[in-house]
């Protein structure tokens, strides 16, 4: 029998689209899991800490935008209800 060699390409890291709070939450969890596997390497720990900081800020911006949208919709509704009929 002949020996068969299989060649495989190294998979590139998957880039997630961080368009929702849920997707950001999942990415934070993924980064956390990577950080736990990084061991005691100070550079890796700092790298993961920075990523988590950035992701947390992105989540806060999305929450703020959502609250702003709700407030605008509420103001519009209040103006509509308060208008003389």
PDB file of N, CA and C in Angstrom:
ATOM      1  N   UNK A   1       0.831  -1.186   0.000  1.00  0.00           N
ATOM      2  CA  UNK A   1       0.000   0.000   0.000  1.00  0.00           C
ATOM      3  C   UNK A   1       0.871   1.243   0.000  1.00  0.00           C
ATOM      4  N   UNK A   2       0.408   2.238  -0.671  1.00  0.00           N
ATOM      5  CA  UNK A   2       1.125   3.503  -0.742  1.00  0.00           C
ATOM      6  C   UNK A   2       0.764   4.371   0.456  1.00  0.00           C
ATOM      7  N   UNK A   3       1.770   5.130   0.919  1.00  0.00           N
ATOM      8  CA  UNK A   3       1.488   6.099   1.978  1.00  0.00           C
ATOM      9  C   UNK A   3       0.926   7.362   1.327  1.00  0.00           C
ATOM     10  N   UNK A   4      -0.069   7.901   1.933  1.00  0.00           N
ATOM     11  CA  UNK A   4      -0.689   9.114   1.420  1.00  0.00           C
ATOM     12  C   UNK A   4      -0.394  10.250   2.376  1.00  0.00           C
ATOM     13  N   UNK A   5       0.088  11.345   1.824  1.00  0.00           N
ATOM     14  CA  UNK A   5       0.340  12.521   2.641  1.00  0.00           C
ATOM     15  C   UNK A   5      -0.785  13.518   2.416  1.00  0.00           C
ATOM     16  N   UNK A   6      -1.228  14.064   3.498  1.00  0.00           N
ATOM     17  CA  UNK A   6      -2.260  15.079   3.421  1.00  0.00           C
ATOM     18  C   UNK A   6      -1.647  16.416   3.770  1.00  0.00           C
ATOM     19  N   UNK A   7      -1.872  17.362   2.913  1.00  0.00           N
ATOM     20  CA  UNK A   7      -1.424  18.715   3.194  1.00  0.00           C
ATOM     21  C   UNK A   7      -2.633  19.511   3.653  1.00  0.00           C
ATOM     22  N   UNK A   8      -2.394  20.344   4.631  1.00  0.00           N
ATOM     23  CA  UNK A   8      -3.484  21.189   5.087  1.00  0.00           C
ATOM     24  C   UNK A   8      -2.960  22.590   5.316  1.00  0.00           C
ATOM     25  N   UNK A   9      -3.836  23.509   5.090  1.00  0.00           N
ATOM     26  CA  UNK A   9      -3.485  24.904   5.305  1.00  0.00           C
ATOM     27  C   UNK A   9      -3.838  25.284   6.729  1.00  0.00           C
ATOM     28  N   UNK A  10      -3.011  26.119   7.294  1.00  0.00           N
ATOM     29  CA  UNK A  10      -3.314  26.618   8.621  1.00  0.00           C
ATOM     30  C   UNK A  10      -4.529  27.534   8.516  1.00  0.00           C
ATOM     31  N   UNK A  11      -5.502  27.300   9.389  1.00  0.00           N
ATOM     32  CA  UNK A  11      -6.711  28.120   9.354  1.00  0.00           C
ATOM     33  C   UNK A  11      -6.399  29.504   9.898  1.00  0.00           C
ATOM     34  N   UNK A  12      -6.923  30.491   9.212  1.00  0.00           N
ATOM     35  CA  UNK A  12      -6.794  31.858   9.690  1.00  0.00           C
ATOM     36  C   UNK A  12      -7.768  32.082  10.838  1.00  0.00           C
ATOM     37  N   UNK A  13      -7.417  32.964  11.754  1.00  0.00           N
ATOM     38  CA  UNK A  13      -8.361  33.233  12.838  1.00  0.00           C
ATOM     39  C   UNK A  13      -9.658  33.798  12.284  1.00  0.00           C
ATOM     40  N   UNK A  14     -10.734  33.332  12.834  1.00  0.00           N
ATOM     41  CA  UNK A  14     -12.054  33.762  12.384  1.00  0.00           C
ATOM     42  C   UNK A  14     -12.338  35.165  12.918  1.00  0.00           C
ATOM     43  N   UNK A  15     -12.703  36.046  12.019  1.00  0.00           N
ATOM     44  CA  UNK A  15     -13.047  37.402  12.411  1.00  0.00           C
ATOM     45  C   UNK A  15     -14.550  37.471  12.588  1.00  0.00           C
ATOM     46  N   UNK A  16     -14.942  37.818  13.784  1.00  0.00           N
ATOM     47  CA  UNK A  16     -16.368  37.915  14.063  1.00  0.00           C
ATOM     48  C   UNK A  16     -16.857  39.330  13.784  1.00  0.00           C
ATOM     49  N   UNK A  17     -18.077  39.403  13.341  1.00  0.00           N
ATOM     50  CA  UNK A  17     -18.713  40.695  13.153  1.00  0.00           C
ATOM     51  C   UNK A  17     -19.322  41.085  14.487  1.00  0.00           C
ATOM     52  N   UNK A  18     -18.860  42.170  15.025  1.00  0.00           N
ATOM     53  CA  UNK A  18     -19.289  42.601  16.346  1.00  0.00           C
ATOM     54  C   UNK A  18     -20.394  43.647  16.231  1.00  0.00           C
ATOM     55  N   UNK A  19     -21.526  43.221  15.697  1.00  0.00           N
ATOM     56  CA  UNK A  19     -22.615  44.151  15.419  1.00  0.00           C
ATOM     57  C   UNK A  19     -23.707  44.124  16.477  1.00  0.00           C
ATOM     58  N   UNK A  20     -23.640  43.167  17.387  1.00  0.00           N
ATOM     59  CA  UNK A  20     -24.658  43.073  18.427  1.00  0.00           C
ATOM     60  C   UNK A  20     -23.994  42.884  19.780  1.00  0.00           C
ATOM     61  N   UNK A  21     -24.746  43.186  20.837  1.00  0.00           N
ATOM     62  CA  UNK A  21     -24.213  42.958  22.181  1.00  0.00           C
ATOM     63  C   UNK A  21     -23.919  41.477  22.403  1.00  0.00           C
ATOM     64  N   UNK A  22     -24.733  40.624  21.844  1.00  0.00           N
ATOM     65  CA  UNK A  22     -24.518  39.186  21.976  1.00  0.00           C
ATOM     66  C   UNK A  22     -23.199  38.756  21.333  1.00  0.00           C
ATOM     67  N   UNK A  23     -22.897  39.294  20.161  1.00  0.00           N
ATOM     68  CA  UNK A  23     -21.653  38.926  19.491  1.00  0.00           C
ATOM     69  C   UNK A  23     -20.440  39.460  20.255  1.00  0.00           C
ATOM     70  N   UNK A  24     -20.574  40.624  20.850  1.00  0.00           N
ATOM     71  CA  UNK A  24     -19.476  41.167  21.658  1.00  0.00           C
ATOM     72  C   UNK A  24     -19.283  40.313  22.901  1.00  0.00           C
ATOM     73  N   UNK A  25     -20.384  39.917  23.528  1.00  0.00           N
ATOM     74  CA  UNK A  25     -20.297  39.055  24.710  1.00  0.00           C
ATOM     75  C   UNK A  25     -19.576  37.748  24.377  1.00  0.00           C
ATOM     76  N   UNK A  26     -19.919  37.147  23.254  1.00  0.00           N
ATOM     77  CA  UNK A  26     -19.272  35.898  22.843  1.00  0.00           C
ATOM     78  C   UNK A  26     -17.777  36.105  22.589  1.00  0.00           C
ATOM     79  N   UNK A  27     -17.434  37.247  22.010  1.00  0.00           N
ATOM     80  CA  UNK A  27     -16.021  37.538  21.742  1.00  0.00           C
ATOM     81  C   UNK A  27     -15.259  37.756  23.048  1.00  0.00           C
ATOM     82  N   UNK A  28     -15.871  38.406  24.018  1.00  0.00           N
ATOM     83  CA  UNK A  28     -15.221  38.583  25.321  1.00  0.00           C
ATOM     84  C   UNK A  28     -14.971  37.223  25.965  1.00  0.00           C
ATOM     85  N   UNK A  29     -15.929  36.324  25.861  1.00  0.00           N
ATOM     86  CA  UNK A  29     -15.759  34.982  26.413  1.00  0.00           C
ATOM     87  C   UNK A  29     -14.628  34.253  25.710  1.00  0.00           C
ATOM     88  N   UNK A  30     -14.547  34.395  24.385  1.00  0.00           N
ATOM     89  CA  UNK A  30     -13.473  33.744  23.630  1.00  0.00           C
ATOM     90  C   UNK A  30     -12.114  34.281  24.055  1.00  0.00           C
ATOM     91  N   UNK A  31     -12.009  35.594  24.206  1.00  0.00           N
ATOM     92  CA  UNK A  31     -10.750  36.214  24.629  1.00  0.00           C
ATOM     93  C   UNK A  31     -10.387  35.744  26.035  1.00  0.00           C
ATOM     94  N   UNK A  32     -11.381  35.654  26.910  1.00  0.00           N
ATOM     95  CA  UNK A  32     -11.148  35.174  28.273  1.00  0.00           C
ATOM     96  C   UNK A  32     -10.579  33.759  28.262  1.00  0.00           C
ATOM     97  N   UNK A  33     -11.170  32.902  27.436  1.00  0.00           N
ATOM     98  CA  UNK A  33     -10.687  31.519  27.361  1.00  0.00           C
ATOM     99  C   UNK A  33      -9.253  31.461  26.840  1.00  0.00           C
ATOM    100  N   UNK A  34      -8.945  32.291  25.855  1.00  0.00           N
ATOM    101  CA  UNK A  34      -7.568  32.356  25.357  1.00  0.00           C
ATOM    102  C   UNK A  34      -6.620  32.846  26.446  1.00  0.00           C
ATOM    103  N   UNK A  35      -7.065  33.823  27.210  1.00  0.00           N
ATOM    104  CA  UNK A  35      -6.223  34.373  28.282  1.00  0.00           C
ATOM    105  C   UNK A  35      -5.936  33.317  29.335  1.00  0.00           C
ATOM    106  N   UNK A  36      -6.924  32.510  29.651  1.00  0.00           N
ATOM    107  CA  UNK A  36      -6.696  31.444  30.639  1.00  0.00           C
ATOM    108  C   UNK A  36      -5.663  30.452  30.149  1.00  0.00           C
ATOM    109  N   UNK A  37      -5.636  30.215  28.846  1.00  0.00           N
ATOM    110  CA  UNK A  37      -4.673  29.270  28.277  1.00  0.00           C
ATOM    111  C   UNK A  37      -3.303  29.901  28.053  1.00  0.00           C
ATOM    112  N   UNK A  38      -3.198  31.221  28.191  1.00  0.00           N
ATOM    113  CA  UNK A  38      -1.932  31.914  27.949  1.00  0.00           C
ATOM    114  C   UNK A  38      -0.924  31.675  29.068  1.00  0.00           C
ATOM    115  N   UNK A  39      -1.387  31.224  30.202  1.00  0.00           N
ATOM    116  CA  UNK A  39      -0.477  30.962  31.311  1.00  0.00           C
ATOM    117  C   UNK A  39      -0.036  32.246  31.980  1.00  0.00           C
ATOM    118  N   UNK A  40       1.252  32.306  32.302  1.00  0.00           N
ATOM    119  CA  UNK A  40       1.774  33.447  33.060  1.00  0.00           C
ATOM    120  C   UNK A  40       2.556  34.429  32.188  1.00  0.00           C
ATOM    121  N   UNK A  41       2.444  34.306  30.890  1.00  0.00           N
ATOM    122  CA  UNK A  41       3.155  35.215  29.988  1.00  0.00           C
ATOM    123  C   UNK A  41       2.558  36.623  30.114  1.00  0.00           C
ATOM    124  N   UNK A  42       3.333  37.533  30.694  1.00  0.00           N
ATOM    125  CA  UNK A  42       2.852  38.882  30.972  1.00  0.00           C
ATOM    126  C   UNK A  42       2.409  39.613  29.701  1.00  0.00           C
ATOM    127  N   UNK A  43       3.128  39.435  28.610  1.00  0.00           N
ATOM    128  CA  UNK A  43       2.776  40.118  27.360  1.00  0.00           C
ATOM    129  C   UNK A  43       1.431  39.624  26.836  1.00  0.00           C
ATOM    130  N   UNK A  44       1.201  38.331  26.905  1.00  0.00           N
ATOM    131  CA  UNK A  44      -0.066  37.762  26.444  1.00  0.00           C
ATOM    132  C   UNK A  44      -1.224  38.203  27.342  1.00  0.00           C
ATOM    133  N   UNK A  45      -0.970  38.237  28.638  1.00  0.00           N
ATOM    134  CA  UNK A  45      -2.006  38.684  29.568  1.00  0.00           C
ATOM    135  C   UNK A  45      -2.380  40.133  29.273  1.00  0.00           C
ATOM    136  N   UNK A  46      -1.392  40.973  29.047  1.00  0.00           N
ATOM    137  CA  UNK A  46      -1.662  42.386  28.744  1.00  0.00           C
ATOM    138  C   UNK A  46      -2.413  42.535  27.419  1.00  0.00           C
ATOM    139  N   UNK A  47      -2.051  41.719  26.434  1.00  0.00           N
ATOM    140  CA  UNK A  47      -2.724  41.723  25.136  1.00  0.00           C
ATOM    141  C   UNK A  47      -4.209  41.400  25.307  1.00  0.00           C
ATOM    142  N   UNK A  48      -4.505  40.341  26.048  1.00  0.00           N
ATOM    143  CA  UNK A  48      -5.899  39.939  26.254  1.00  0.00           C
ATOM    144  C   UNK A  48      -6.647  40.969  27.097  1.00  0.00           C
ATOM    145  N   UNK A  49      -5.961  41.576  28.042  1.00  0.00           N
ATOM    146  CA  UNK A  49      -6.583  42.626  28.855  1.00  0.00           C
ATOM    147  C   UNK A  49      -6.988  43.811  27.969  1.00  0.00           C
ATOM    148  N   UNK A  50      -6.116  44.170  27.038  1.00  0.00           N
ATOM    149  CA  UNK A  50      -6.404  45.288  26.135  1.00  0.00           C
ATOM    150  C   UNK A  50      -7.599  44.956  25.232  1.00  0.00           C
ATOM    151  N   UNK A  51      -7.636  43.743  24.715  1.00  0.00           N
ATOM    152  CA  UNK A  51      -8.766  43.338  23.870  1.00  0.00           C
ATOM    153  C   UNK A  51     -10.080  43.391  24.644  1.00  0.00           C
ATOM    154  N   UNK A  52     -10.055  42.911  25.877  1.00  0.00           N
ATOM    155  CA  UNK A  52     -11.261  42.924  26.697  1.00  0.00           C
ATOM    156  C   UNK A  52     -11.712  44.355  26.982  1.00  0.00           C
ATOM    157  N   UNK A  53     -10.761  45.245  27.228  1.00  0.00           N
ATOM    158  CA  UNK A  53     -11.077  46.650  27.470  1.00  0.00           C
ATOM    159  C   UNK A  53     -11.770  47.261  26.248  1.00  0.00           C
ATOM    160  N   UNK A  54     -11.212  47.003  25.081  1.00  0.00           N
ATOM    161  CA  UNK A  54     -11.783  47.541  23.842  1.00  0.00           C
ATOM    162  C   UNK A  54     -13.182  46.964  23.599  1.00  0.00           C
ATOM    163  N   UNK A  55     -13.338  45.667  23.797  1.00  0.00           N
ATOM    164  CA  UNK A  55     -14.651  45.045  23.601  1.00  0.00           C
ATOM    165  C   UNK A  55     -15.681  45.573  24.591  1.00  0.00           C
ATOM    166  N   UNK A  56     -15.269  45.785  25.827  1.00  0.00           N
ATOM    167  CA  UNK A  56     -16.181  46.327  26.835  1.00  0.00           C
ATOM    168  C   UNK A  56     -16.633  47.733  26.463  1.00  0.00           C
ATOM    169  N   UNK A  57     -15.713  48.531  25.955  1.00  0.00           N
ATOM    170  CA  UNK A  57     -16.077  49.886  25.519  1.00  0.00           C
ATOM    171  C   UNK A  57     -17.019  49.843  24.318  1.00  0.00           C
ATOM    172  N   UNK A  58     -16.786  48.925  23.398  1.00  0.00           N
ATOM    173  CA  UNK A  58     -17.679  48.784  22.243  1.00  0.00           C
ATOM    174  C   UNK A  58     -19.085  48.404  22.704  1.00  0.00           C
ATOM    175  N   UNK A  59     -19.179  47.520  23.688  1.00  0.00           N
ATOM    176  CA  UNK A  59     -20.482  47.128  24.216  1.00  0.00           C
ATOM    177  C   UNK A  59     -21.183  48.324  24.863  1.00  0.00           C
ATOM    178  N   UNK A  60     -20.436  49.136  25.594  1.00  0.00           N
ATOM    179  CA  UNK A  60     -21.025  50.305  26.253  1.00  0.00           C
ATOM    180  C   UNK A  60     -21.530  51.312  25.222  1.00  0.00           C
ATOM    181  N   UNK A  61     -20.784  51.507  24.149  1.00  0.00           N
ATOM    182  CA  UNK A  61     -21.222  52.414  23.083  1.00  0.00           C
ATOM    183  C   UNK A  61     -22.527  51.910  22.469  1.00  0.00           C
ATOM    184  N   UNK A  62     -22.626  50.607  22.229  1.00  0.00           N
ATOM    185  CA  UNK A  62     -23.852  50.052  21.660  1.00  0.00           C
ATOM    186  C   UNK A  62     -25.025  50.239  22.617  1.00  0.00           C
ATOM    187  N   UNK A  63     -24.795  50.041  23.913  1.00  0.00           N
ATOM    188  CA  UNK A  63     -25.860  50.252  24.894  1.00  0.00           C
ATOM    189  C   UNK A  63     -26.300  51.713  24.895  1.00  0.00           C
ATOM    190  N   UNK A  64     -25.331  52.626  24.876  1.00  0.00           N
ATOM    191  CA  UNK A  64     -25.657  54.051  24.861  1.00  0.00           C
ATOM    192  C   UNK A  64     -26.474  54.432  23.637  1.00  0.00           C
ATOM    193  N   UNK A  65     -26.105  53.893  22.476  1.00  0.00           N
ATOM    194  CA  UNK A  65     -26.858  54.172  21.250  1.00  0.00           C
ATOM    195  C   UNK A  65     -28.272  53.635  21.355  1.00  0.00           C
ATOM    196  N   UNK A  66     -28.421  52.471  21.943  1.00  0.00           N
ATOM    197  CA  UNK A  66     -29.741  51.874  22.104  1.00  0.00           C
ATOM    198  C   UNK A  66     -30.603  52.720  23.031  1.00  0.00           C
ATOM    199  N   UNK A  67     -30.031  53.179  24.124  1.00  0.00           N
ATOM    200  CA  UNK A  67     -30.776  54.036  25.058  1.00  0.00           C
ATOM    201  C   UNK A  67     -31.166  55.341  24.387  1.00  0.00           C
ATOM    202  N   UNK A  68     -30.256  55.918  23.617  1.00  0.00           N
ATOM    203  CA  UNK A  68     -30.555  57.163  22.917  1.00  0.00           C
ATOM    204  C   UNK A  68     -31.715  56.961  21.943  1.00  0.00           C
ATOM    205  N   UNK A  69     -31.705  55.855  21.232  1.00  0.00           N
ATOM    206  CA  UNK A  69     -32.789  55.554  20.288  1.00  0.00           C
ATOM    207  C   UNK A  69     -34.119  55.416  21.017  1.00  0.00           C
ATOM    208  N   UNK A  70     -34.116  54.731  22.141  1.00  0.00           N
ATOM    209  CA  UNK A  70     -35.342  54.561  22.922  1.00  0.00           C
ATOM    210  C   UNK A  70     -35.846  55.913  23.422  1.00  0.00           C
ATOM    211  N   UNK A  71     -34.937  56.755  23.911  1.00  0.00           N
ATOM    212  CA  UNK A  71     -35.339  58.077  24.388  1.00  0.00           C
ATOM    213  C   UNK A  71     -35.940  58.923  23.271  1.00  0.00           C
ATOM    214  N   UNK A  72     -35.360  58.881  22.082  1.00  0.00           N
ATOM    215  CA  UNK A  72     -35.899  59.636  20.946  1.00  0.00           C
ATOM    216  C   UNK A  72     -37.285  59.135  20.568  1.00  0.00           C
ATOM    217  N   UNK A  73     -37.469  57.827  20.559  1.00  0.00           N
ATOM    218  CA  UNK A  73     -38.771  57.263  20.233  1.00  0.00           C
ATOM    219  C   UNK A  73     -39.814  57.623  21.291  1.00  0.00           C
ATOM    220  N   UNK A  74     -39.399  57.615  22.558  1.00  0.00           N
ATOM    221  CA  UNK A  74     -40.309  57.981  23.639  1.00  0.00           C
ATOM    222  C   UNK A  74     -40.711  59.453  23.537  1.00  0.00           C
ATOM    223  N   UNK A  75     -39.743  60.321  23.259  1.00  0.00           N
ATOM    224  CA  UNK A  75     -40.058  61.749  23.080  1.00  0.00           C
ATOM    225  C   UNK A  75     -41.058  61.949  21.942  1.00  0.00           C
ATOM    226  N   UNK A  76     -40.846  61.266  20.845  1.00  0.00           N
ATOM    227  CA  UNK A  76     -41.748  61.384  19.699  1.00  0.00           C
ATOM    228  C   UNK A  76     -43.147  60.906  20.070  1.00  0.00           C
ATOM    229  N   UNK A  77     -43.225  59.801  20.793  1.00  0.00           N
ATOM    230  CA  UNK A  77     -44.514  59.268  21.227  1.00  0.00           C
ATOM    231  C   UNK A  77     -45.207  60.232  22.180  1.00  0.00           C
ATOM    232  N   UNK A  78     -44.456  60.802  23.108  1.00  0.00           N
ATOM    233  CA  UNK A  78     -45.041  61.756  24.055  1.00  0.00           C
ATOM    234  C   UNK A  78     -45.563  62.999  23.335  1.00  0.00           C
ATOM    235  N   UNK A  79     -44.833  63.478  22.321  1.00  0.00           N
ATOM    236  CA  UNK A  79     -45.300  64.638  21.542  1.00  0.00           C
ATOM    237  C   UNK A  79     -46.576  64.298  20.789  1.00  0.00           C
ATOM    238  N   UNK A  80     -46.656  63.089  20.259  1.00  0.00           N
ATOM    239  CA  UNK A  80     -47.831  62.669  19.511  1.00  0.00           C
ATOM    240  C   UNK A  80     -49.043  62.559  20.423  1.00  0.00           C
ATOM    241  N   UNK A  81     -48.861  61.979  21.584  1.00  0.00           N
ATOM    242  CA  UNK A  81     -49.970  61.814  22.526  1.00  0.00           C
ATOM    243  C   UNK A  81     -50.383  63.153  23.118  1.00  0.00           C
ATOM    244  N   UNK A  82     -49.420  64.025  23.389  1.00  0.00           N
ATOM    245  CA  UNK A  82     -49.706  65.305  24.001  1.00  0.00           C
ATOM    246  C   UNK A  82     -50.268  66.338  23.034  1.00  0.00           C
ATOM    247  N   UNK A  83     -50.269  66.039  21.736  1.00  0.00           N
ATOM    248  CA  UNK A  83     -50.763  67.006  20.744  1.00  0.00           C
ATOM    249  C   UNK A  83     -52.271  67.144  20.852  1.00  0.00           C
ATOM    250  N   UNK A  84     -52.810  68.378  20.720  1.00  0.00           N
ATOM    251  CA  UNK A  84     -54.270  68.574  20.792  1.00  0.00           C
ATOM    252  C   UNK A  84     -54.959  67.861  19.642  1.00  0.00           C
ATOM    253  N   UNK A  85     -56.124  67.299  19.977  1.00  0.00           N
ATOM    254  CA  UNK A  85     -56.873  66.551  18.960  1.00  0.00           C
ATOM    255  C   UNK A  85     -58.058  67.299  18.452  1.00  0.00           C
TER     256      UNK A  85
END
